[in-house]
Amino acid sequence: MMRREYDFSKGIRGKFYRPNVHLRLPVYLDEDVSQFVQEFARRKRTDPQTVVNKLLRSNKETLQAL
């Protein structure tokens, strides 16, 4: 349960801020897409991340139009 008020008087502003950190957020694919990518990657003897990156790079212009 949340309190009505919290005491931040001893808090330190920016304690966890890191200006040059780039987050790599996970992307969740639908099951059918995931299976396709994994199978394609297996046949090409590469990893799924490489397959997805190549697919997205090859379709950048189309994606930008969305």
Protein backbone atom coordinates (compact mmCIF):
# COMPACT_ATOMS: atom_id res chain seq x y z
CA MET A 1 0.00 0.00 0.00
CA MET A 2 1.33 3.42 -0.89
CA ARG A 3 1.73 6.11 1.70
CA ARG A 4 0.12 9.49 1.29
CA GLU A 5 3.52 11.19 1.41
CA TYR A 6 7.14 10.13 1.21
CA ASP A 7 10.14 11.89 2.73
CA PHE A 8 12.79 12.58 0.10
CA SER A 9 14.68 15.11 2.19
CA LYS A 10 17.70 12.77 2.42
CA GLY A 11 17.56 11.80 -1.25
CA ILE A 12 20.41 12.57 -3.63
CA ARG A 13 19.38 14.09 -6.96
CA GLY A 14 20.84 12.24 -9.93
CA LYS A 15 22.34 9.44 -7.86
CA PHE A 16 21.60 6.81 -10.52
CA TYR A 17 21.67 9.08 -13.60
CA ARG A 18 24.24 8.06 -16.20
CA PRO A 19 24.21 10.40 -19.23
CA ASN A 20 26.06 8.12 -21.65
CA VAL A 21 24.29 4.84 -20.90
CA HIS A 22 22.39 3.32 -23.83
CA LEU A 23 19.64 0.92 -22.80
CA ARG A 24 19.09 -2.20 -24.84
CA LEU A 25 15.43 -2.89 -24.37
CA PRO A 26 14.07 -6.36 -25.10
CA VAL A 27 11.78 -6.84 -28.08
CA TYR A 28 9.11 -9.51 -27.80
CA LEU A 29 8.07 -11.16 -31.05
CA ASP A 30 4.81 -12.96 -31.67
CA GLU A 31 5.16 -16.73 -31.48
CA ASP A 32 4.86 -17.35 -35.22
CA VAL A 33 7.40 -14.64 -36.07
CA SER A 34 9.78 -15.89 -33.39
CA GLN A 35 9.60 -19.44 -34.74
CA PHE A 36 10.22 -18.22 -38.29
CA VAL A 37 13.25 -16.15 -37.25
CA GLN A 38 14.71 -18.94 -35.15
CA GLU A 39 14.29 -21.51 -37.92
CA PHE A 40 15.75 -19.14 -40.52
CA ALA A 41 18.70 -18.37 -38.22
CA ARG A 42 19.30 -22.07 -37.66
CA ARG A 43 19.33 -22.75 -41.42
CA LYS A 44 21.72 -19.86 -42.03
CA ARG A 45 23.89 -20.87 -39.07
CA THR A 46 23.59 -17.52 -37.36
CA ASP A 47 21.72 -16.12 -34.37
CA PRO A 48 18.17 -14.70 -34.34
CA GLN A 49 19.41 -11.22 -33.39
CA THR A 50 21.44 -11.01 -36.59
CA VAL A 51 18.46 -12.12 -38.67
CA VAL A 52 16.14 -9.53 -37.12
CA ASN A 53 18.72 -6.75 -37.49
CA LYS A 54 19.27 -7.59 -41.17
CA LEU A 55 15.52 -7.71 -41.81
CA LEU A 56 14.98 -4.34 -40.17
CA ARG A 57 17.96 -2.71 -41.90
CA SER A 58 16.79 -3.92 -45.30
CA ASN A 59 13.35 -2.42 -44.70
CA LYS A 60 14.29 0.88 -43.03
CA GLU A 61 12.60 3.06 -45.67
CA THR A 62 9.35 1.11 -45.42
CA LEU A 63 9.43 1.25 -41.63
CA GLN A 64 10.09 4.99 -41.65
CA ALA A 65 6.96 5.48 -43.76
CA LEU A 66 4.83 3.78 -41.09
